[in-house]
Amino acid sequence: MYAARARAALRGWGGVGAMAVLCALALAFVLLLPRTQTHQKGVRTAGQGVADVSQARAEDCKDAQAQKQTLSPSGADGPTIDAIKSRTGAKRKLVVGVDQNSYHWGYRNPNTEGAELEGFDIDLAHRIAQDILGDPDAVQFKAIPTSQRIPAIQDGRVDMVVRTMTITCQRLGEVAFSAPYFKTGQQVLAPKSSPVTGYDDTLAHKKICTASGSTAYSKLKADRDKGTLPGSTDISTTVPNQLDCLVRLQLGEVDAVVTDGALAASQAAQDPTVELKGEAFTTEYYGVAMKKDATDLVRRVNRILVDYRANGWQASYDTWLSATLGKDSGPSKPPAPQYLRTS
């Protein structure tokens, strides 16, 4: 195709000069092709007519900046959104992986007809469905454990996960994330009578529970390996769902739980015998997770979040989280987004 265009452009030049130019163009194309293919690998357009930068590779990422590794907002449709919209009948829904056990985030309210799913994450999922399909109820919720969030996306069981999922560099190597919609940090949850005072030496000889595949476990293991967490701290207890840790704590099988402060505060609201110990010792951001090649969906969710931060986010926070996290706390405002530059 490129050679044909070059010949058409050179028509009428004739002679050796024309052939020399043609050969030079062909050589340049051959030399540049590998670089072009490398640059565009895994990149799709989002109705904008130009190639977009892909999400940053895990090896080029630093966790402190992971929340910035997302694509700029766009309201345009694309192949992923078209596939969702093409579903017919009862299947014409956005399929979202959520939690059903995290109080005020994603949980089944037994006081509603059919034990409806409610919470901060659930509100966001409804908002995304409203924008993409024109109906906030056009969403099929699939309850998935913490350890199955990434496999559920990769296997195509869900279109996205909205489930208190922290954006990390390692996860960016496996899935794509939206811009952050919530800021939190890891904290320690323990009985009020416990001598544990926080993420410190009082965890020596204590048994800690975390969820499988969680950032909490990764942090504890890394800190124990480098000696900033007492070597005698037992971190072997992991569970499929975060709420299971609270049950283990209530049964006396573990001494403390480490999880996101936002989740820990909700668990403390469920059980007045436990409390948060010490301050948050990490800074983490929740994002909506999607397939790595679903660039049109990532951009669309980021566009939705722009509007949601301005109208909807605060009302949802006040409804579900202000009672446990406070009206003027750090997490009480949506985090400001930052995006990757396009090429």
Protein backbone atom coordinates (compact mmCIF):
# COMPACT_ATOMS: atom_id res chain seq x y z
CA MET A 1 0.00 0.00 0.00
CA TYR A 2 2.75 2.43 0.95
CA ALA A 3 4.75 1.56 -2.22
CA ALA A 4 1.65 2.09 -4.42
CA ARG A 5 1.04 5.52 -2.90
CA ALA A 6 4.70 6.42 -3.45
CA ARG A 7 4.55 5.34 -7.10
CA ALA A 8 1.40 7.42 -7.62
CA ALA A 9 3.05 10.45 -6.08
CA LEU A 10 6.12 9.99 -8.26
CA ARG A 11 4.16 9.49 -11.49
CA GLY A 12 5.56 11.83 -14.11
CA TRP A 13 8.98 12.19 -12.48
CA GLY A 14 10.45 9.35 -14.51
CA GLY A 15 14.04 8.21 -14.67
CA VAL A 16 16.59 7.24 -12.09
CA GLY A 17 15.74 10.05 -9.67
CA ALA A 18 12.22 8.72 -9.16
CA MET A 19 13.44 5.18 -8.55
CA ALA A 20 16.02 6.41 -6.08
CA VAL A 21 13.38 8.25 -4.07
CA LEU A 22 11.10 5.22 -4.17
CA CYS A 23 13.84 2.93 -2.94
CA ALA A 24 14.71 5.35 -0.13
CA LEU A 25 11.07 5.45 0.99
CA ALA A 26 10.82 1.66 0.93
CA LEU A 27 14.02 1.32 2.98
CA ALA A 28 12.82 3.88 5.52
CA PHE A 29 9.53 1.99 5.87
CA VAL A 30 11.31 -1.32 6.48
CA LEU A 31 13.60 0.24 9.08
CA LEU A 32 10.79 1.99 10.90
CA LEU A 33 8.30 -0.89 10.85
CA PRO A 34 9.69 -2.78 13.89
CA ARG A 35 9.68 0.41 15.96
CA THR A 36 6.13 1.20 14.86
CA GLN A 37 4.93 -2.29 15.74
CA THR A 38 6.63 -2.15 19.12
CA HIS A 39 5.13 1.23 19.90
CA GLN A 40 1.61 0.16 18.99
CA LYS A 41 1.61 -3.24 20.58
CA GLY A 42 -1.42 -3.57 22.85
CA VAL A 43 -2.66 -0.08 21.88
CA ARG A 44 -6.11 0.63 20.51
CA THR A 45 -7.83 3.76 19.41
CA ALA A 46 -10.85 5.12 21.23
CA GLY A 47 -12.60 6.82 18.35
CA GLN A 48 -10.00 9.59 18.29
CA GLY A 49 -8.15 8.62 15.09
CA VAL A 50 -4.73 8.39 16.77
CA ALA A 51 -2.94 5.67 18.69
CA ASP A 52 -3.05 5.99 22.48
CA VAL A 53 -0.32 5.21 24.93
CA SER A 54 -0.89 1.94 26.71
CA GLN A 55 -1.01 1.59 30.46
CA ALA A 56 2.51 1.71 31.91
CA ARG A 57 4.36 -1.55 32.17
CA ALA A 58 4.85 -2.86 35.69
CA GLU A 59 8.65 -2.63 35.43
CA ASP A 60 8.41 1.10 34.58
CA CYS A 61 6.06 1.82 37.48
CA LYS A 62 6.52 2.92 41.07
CA ASP A 63 3.72 2.13 43.52
CA ALA A 64 3.71 5.69 44.84
CA GLN A 65 2.76 6.83 41.34
CA ALA A 66 0.66 3.84 40.24
CA GLN A 67 -2.62 5.76 40.45
CA LYS A 68 -1.39 8.03 37.64
CA GLN A 69 -0.92 5.18 35.15
CA THR A 70 -4.26 5.47 33.39
CA LEU A 71 -5.60 6.85 30.11
CA SER A 72 -7.21 10.25 29.67
CA PRO A 73 -11.03 10.45 29.68
CA SER A 74 -13.13 10.02 26.56
CA GLY A 75 -16.85 9.64 25.95
CA ALA A 76 -16.30 7.76 22.69
CA ASP A 77 -17.42 4.19 22.15
CA GLY A 78 -15.02 1.48 21.03
CA PRO A 79 -14.88 -2.29 20.53
CA THR A 80 -15.28 -3.18 24.22
CA ILE A 81 -18.22 -0.84 24.77
CA ASP A 82 -19.79 -1.88 21.46
CA ALA A 83 -19.68 -5.51 22.61
CA ILE A 84 -21.40 -4.60 25.87
CA LYS A 85 -24.09 -2.62 24.06
CA SER A 86 -24.69 -5.42 21.55
CA ARG A 87 -25.94 -7.77 24.26
CA THR A 88 -29.64 -8.45 23.87
CA GLY A 89 -32.58 -9.16 26.11
CA ALA A 90 -31.89 -9.97 29.74
CA LYS A 91 -28.15 -10.20 28.99
CA ARG A 92 -27.92 -6.53 27.99
CA LYS A 93 -26.19 -5.59 31.20
CA LEU A 94 -22.84 -4.43 32.44
CA VAL A 95 -21.23 -7.34 34.34
CA VAL A 96 -19.43 -6.06 37.43
CA GLY A 97 -17.42 -8.00 39.99
CA VAL A 98 -18.16 -6.79 43.52
CA ASP A 99 -18.00 -7.80 47.15
CA GLN A 100 -21.12 -8.82 49.04
CA ASN A 101 -19.58 -8.90 52.52
CA SER A 102 -17.95 -5.49 53.01
CA TYR A 103 -20.22 -3.36 55.15
CA HIS A 104 -21.09 -0.05 53.45
CA TRP A 105 -18.93 -0.87 50.41
CA GLY A 106 -20.55 -3.86 48.79
CA TYR A 107 -22.84 -5.89 51.04
CA ARG A 108 -26.26 -7.51 51.03
CA ASN A 109 -28.70 -5.62 53.20
CA PRO A 110 -30.95 -8.21 54.89
CA ASN A 111 -33.51 -5.49 55.61
CA THR A 112 -34.29 -4.98 51.92
CA GLU A 113 -36.44 -7.11 49.67
CA GLY A 114 -34.22 -9.74 48.11
CA ALA A 115 -31.28 -8.67 50.29
CA GLU A 116 -30.18 -6.05 47.76
CA LEU A 117 -26.53 -5.18 47.29
CA GLU A 118 -25.72 -1.75 48.68
CA GLY A 119 -22.71 0.44 49.40
CA PHE A 120 -20.23 2.94 48.04
CA ASP A 121 -18.84 0.61 45.36
CA ILE A 122 -22.34 -0.45 44.36
CA ASP A 123 -23.37 3.19 43.80
CA LEU A 124 -20.43 3.67 41.45
CA ALA A 125 -21.29 0.53 39.47
CA HIS A 126 -24.86 1.80 38.99
CA ARG A 127 -23.51 5.13 37.76
CA ILE A 128 -21.27 3.44 35.18
CA ALA A 129 -24.18 1.31 33.93
CA GLN A 130 -26.33 4.44 33.62
CA ASP A 131 -23.78 6.11 31.40
CA ILE A 132 -22.95 3.16 29.16
CA LEU A 133 -26.36 1.50 28.86
CA GLY A 134 -28.71 4.32 29.86
CA ASP A 135 -30.10 2.44 32.86
CA PRO A 136 -28.55 2.38 36.35
CA ASP A 137 -30.12 -1.03 36.95
CA ALA A 138 -28.68 -2.54 33.75
CA VAL A 139 -25.93 -4.17 35.77
CA GLN A 140 -25.32 -7.78 36.72
CA PHE A 141 -23.38 -8.07 39.96
CA LYS A 142 -21.09 -11.04 40.43
CA ALA A 143 -19.76 -11.58 43.93
CA ILE A 144 -16.09 -12.55 43.75
CA PRO A 145 -13.53 -13.16 46.52
CA THR A 146 -10.50 -10.92 46.88
CA SER A 147 -8.14 -13.47 45.34
CA GLN A 148 -10.34 -13.86 42.22
CA ARG A 149 -10.59 -10.21 41.18
CA ILE A 150 -7.87 -10.34 38.52
CA PRO A 151 -8.69 -13.84 37.18
CA ALA A 152 -12.35 -12.84 36.81
CA ILE A 153 -11.32 -9.92 34.60
CA GLN A 154 -8.79 -11.88 32.56
CA ASP A 155 -11.18 -14.79 32.00
CA GLY A 156 -13.94 -12.46 30.83
CA ARG A 157 -16.33 -13.41 33.62
CA VAL A 158 -16.82 -9.71 34.34
CA ASP A 159 -16.44 -6.49 32.36
CA MET A 160 -14.88 -4.75 35.33
CA VAL A 161 -14.26 -5.03 39.05
CA VAL A 162 -15.47 -2.36 41.47
CA ARG A 163 -14.38 -3.90 44.75
CA THR A 164 -12.10 -1.79 46.97
CA MET A 165 -9.23 -2.76 44.66
CA THR A 166 -5.94 -0.94 45.20
CA ILE A 167 -4.02 0.24 42.14
CA THR A 168 -0.52 -1.24 42.25
CA CYS A 169 2.31 -1.65 39.77
CA GLN A 170 2.14 -5.43 39.92
CA ARG A 171 -1.57 -5.39 39.13
CA LEU A 172 -1.01 -2.92 36.30
CA GLY A 173 0.96 -5.68 34.64
CA GLU A 174 -2.18 -7.84 34.63
CA VAL A 175 -5.16 -5.50 34.30
CA ALA A 176 -5.93 -1.87 33.44
CA PHE A 177 -7.20 0.62 36.00
CA SER A 178 -9.29 3.73 35.92
CA ALA A 179 -8.19 6.90 37.65
CA PRO A 180 -8.56 6.54 41.44
CA TYR A 181 -11.96 7.03 43.01
CA PHE A 182 -10.94 6.65 46.68
CA LYS A 183 -7.86 7.20 48.85
CA THR A 184 -7.11 5.05 51.89
CA GLY A 185 -4.22 3.28 53.66
CA GLN A 186 -3.43 0.06 55.53
CA GLN A 187 -4.29 -0.05 59.23
CA VAL A 188 -4.39 -2.51 62.09
CA LEU A 189 -7.68 -3.72 63.54
CA ALA A 190 -7.65 -5.46 66.93
CA PRO A 191 -9.79 -5.93 70.05
CA LYS A 192 -10.08 -2.82 72.20
CA SER A 193 -8.48 -4.75 75.08
CA SER A 194 -5.48 -5.81 72.94
CA PRO A 195 -1.97 -4.57 73.82
CA VAL A 196 -1.41 -3.99 70.08
CA THR A 197 -1.00 -0.25 69.50
CA GLY A 198 -0.53 -0.15 65.74
CA TYR A 199 1.83 -1.24 63.01
CA ASP A 200 4.82 -1.50 65.32
CA ASP A 201 6.76 -3.79 67.62
CA THR A 202 3.59 -4.68 69.55
CA LEU A 203 2.83 -7.07 66.67
CA ALA A 204 5.74 -9.29 67.77
CA HIS A 205 4.57 -12.85 68.45
CA LYS A 206 1.08 -11.91 67.24
CA LYS A 207 -0.93 -13.74 64.60
CA ILE A 208 -2.19 -11.45 61.84
CA CYS A 209 -4.95 -12.16 59.34
CA THR A 210 -5.06 -10.75 55.80
CA ALA A 211 -7.02 -11.53 52.64
CA SER A 212 -5.37 -13.67 49.96
CA GLY A 213 -4.10 -11.57 47.08
CA SER A 214 -4.42 -8.34 49.07
CA THR A 215 -1.94 -5.50 49.28
CA ALA A 216 -2.00 -5.96 53.06
CA TYR A 217 -0.35 -9.38 52.82
CA SER A 218 2.22 -8.13 50.31
CA LYS A 219 3.15 -5.25 52.62
CA LEU A 220 3.47 -7.46 55.71
CA LYS A 221 5.62 -10.02 53.93
CA ALA A 222 7.90 -7.37 52.43
CA ASP A 223 8.33 -5.58 55.77
CA ARG A 224 8.98 -8.78 57.69
CA ASP A 225 11.55 -9.87 55.11
CA LYS A 226 13.47 -6.60 55.45
CA GLY A 227 13.14 -6.45 59.23
CA THR A 228 10.83 -3.46 59.67
CA LEU A 229 8.15 -5.82 61.02
CA PRO A 230 9.14 -8.16 63.89
CA GLY A 231 10.30 -11.51 62.54
CA SER A 232 8.13 -13.32 65.08
CA THR A 233 4.94 -11.85 63.60
CA ASP A 234 2.84 -14.70 62.19
CA ILE A 235 1.30 -13.68 58.85
CA SER A 236 0.37 -17.19 57.70
CA THR A 237 -3.38 -16.73 58.16
CA THR A 238 -4.96 -15.67 54.88
CA VAL A 239 -8.62 -15.92 53.87
CA PRO A 240 -10.57 -15.60 50.59
CA ASN A 241 -12.64 -12.60 51.74
CA GLN A 242 -11.66 -9.76 54.04
CA LEU A 243 -14.70 -10.20 56.30
CA ASP A 244 -13.46 -13.69 57.13
CA CYS A 245 -10.60 -12.02 58.99
CA LEU A 246 -13.06 -10.26 61.28
CA VAL A 247 -14.69 -13.62 62.02
CA ARG A 248 -11.28 -15.14 62.83
CA LEU A 249 -10.61 -12.20 65.13
CA GLN A 250 -13.95 -12.62 66.88
CA LEU A 251 -13.25 -16.34 67.37
CA GLY A 252 -9.85 -15.56 68.90
CA GLU A 253 -7.99 -17.42 66.15
CA VAL A 254 -5.90 -14.36 65.32
CA ASP A 255 -4.71 -11.36 67.32
CA ALA A 256 -5.20 -8.63 64.72
CA VAL A 257 -6.28 -7.88 61.17
CA VAL A 258 -4.45 -5.73 58.66
CA THR A 259 -6.51 -4.24 55.86
CA ASP A 260 -7.42 -0.93 54.24
CA GLY A 261 -8.44 1.60 56.87
CA ALA A 262 -11.67 2.27 55.00
CA LEU A 263 -12.65 -1.39 55.28
CA ALA A 264 -11.37 -1.71 58.84
CA ALA A 265 -13.51 1.26 59.94
CA SER A 266 -16.60 -0.42 58.51
CA GLN A 267 -15.73 -3.66 60.30
CA ALA A 268 -15.30 -1.77 63.55
CA ALA A 269 -18.78 -0.35 63.00
CA GLN A 270 -20.09 -3.91 62.75
CA ASP A 271 -18.37 -5.02 65.96
CA PRO A 272 -18.02 -2.50 68.81
CA THR A 273 -15.48 -4.74 70.61
CA VAL A 274 -12.75 -3.99 68.04
CA GLU A 275 -11.07 -0.76 66.98
CA LEU A 276 -8.45 0.69 64.66
CA LYS A 277 -4.99 0.72 66.22
CA GLY A 278 -2.56 3.45 65.20
CA GLU A 279 -2.46 5.47 62.01
CA ALA A 280 -2.50 4.30 58.42
CA PHE A 281 0.99 3.17 57.39
CA THR A 282 0.53 3.20 53.61
CA THR A 283 -1.21 5.39 51.05
CA GLU A 284 -3.37 3.50 48.59
CA TYR A 285 -5.92 4.32 45.91
CA TYR A 286 -8.90 2.30 44.74
CA GLY A 287 -9.57 2.06 41.01
CA VAL A 288 -12.00 0.32 38.70
CA ALA A 289 -10.17 -2.63 37.13
CA MET A 290 -10.70 -3.79 33.53
CA LYS A 291 -8.95 -5.86 30.86
CA LYS A 292 -5.63 -4.44 29.73
CA ASP A 293 -6.73 -4.06 26.10
CA ALA A 294 -10.10 -2.47 26.93
CA THR A 295 -8.76 1.04 26.34
CA ASP A 296 -12.10 2.44 25.20
CA LEU A 297 -13.76 1.21 28.40
CA VAL A 298 -10.95 2.60 30.57
CA ARG A 299 -11.32 6.00 28.93
CA ARG A 300 -15.08 5.91 29.26
CA VAL A 301 -14.96 5.04 32.97
CA ASN A 302 -12.49 7.89 33.48
CA ARG A 303 -14.94 10.23 31.74
CA ILE A 304 -17.72 8.99 34.03
CA LEU A 305 -15.53 9.54 37.08
CA VAL A 306 -14.94 13.16 36.09
CA ASP A 307 -18.68 13.77 36.26
CA TYR A 308 -19.15 11.56 39.31
CA ARG A 309 -16.59 13.48 41.36
CA ALA A 310 -18.52 16.67 40.64
CA ASN A 311 -21.98 15.21 41.15
CA GLY A 312 -22.63 11.99 43.03
CA TRP A 313 -19.42 11.01 44.80
CA GLN A 314 -19.97 13.18 47.86
CA ALA A 315 -23.58 12.11 48.30
CA SER A 316 -22.55 8.47 48.21
CA TYR A 317 -19.72 9.10 50.69
CA ASP A 318 -22.06 10.89 53.08
CA THR A 319 -24.58 8.05 52.84
CA TRP A 320 -22.24 5.14 53.41
CA LEU A 321 -18.89 6.21 54.85
CA SER A 322 -19.04 9.53 56.70
CA ALA A 323 -20.33 7.90 59.90
CA THR A 324 -17.23 5.68 60.14
CA LEU A 325 -14.57 7.76 58.39
CA GLY A 326 -15.73 11.28 59.26
CA LYS A 327 -16.97 14.24 57.24
CA ASP A 328 -13.65 16.09 57.29
CA SER A 329 -11.14 13.24 57.14
CA GLY A 330 -8.56 12.65 54.43
CA PRO A 331 -10.73 10.12 52.55
CA SER A 332 -13.81 12.39 52.66
CA LYS A 333 -12.98 14.00 49.31
CA PRO A 334 -12.39 12.28 45.97
CA PRO A 335 -8.72 12.08 44.90
CA ALA A 336 -7.67 14.28 42.00
CA PRO A 337 -6.98 12.31 38.81
CA GLN A 338 -3.82 12.37 36.72
CA TYR A 339 -3.45 10.69 33.36
CA LEU A 340 -0.76 9.35 31.06
CA ARG A 341 0.16 11.56 28.13
CA THR A 342 -0.87 10.39 24.70
CA SER A 343 1.68 9.99 21.94
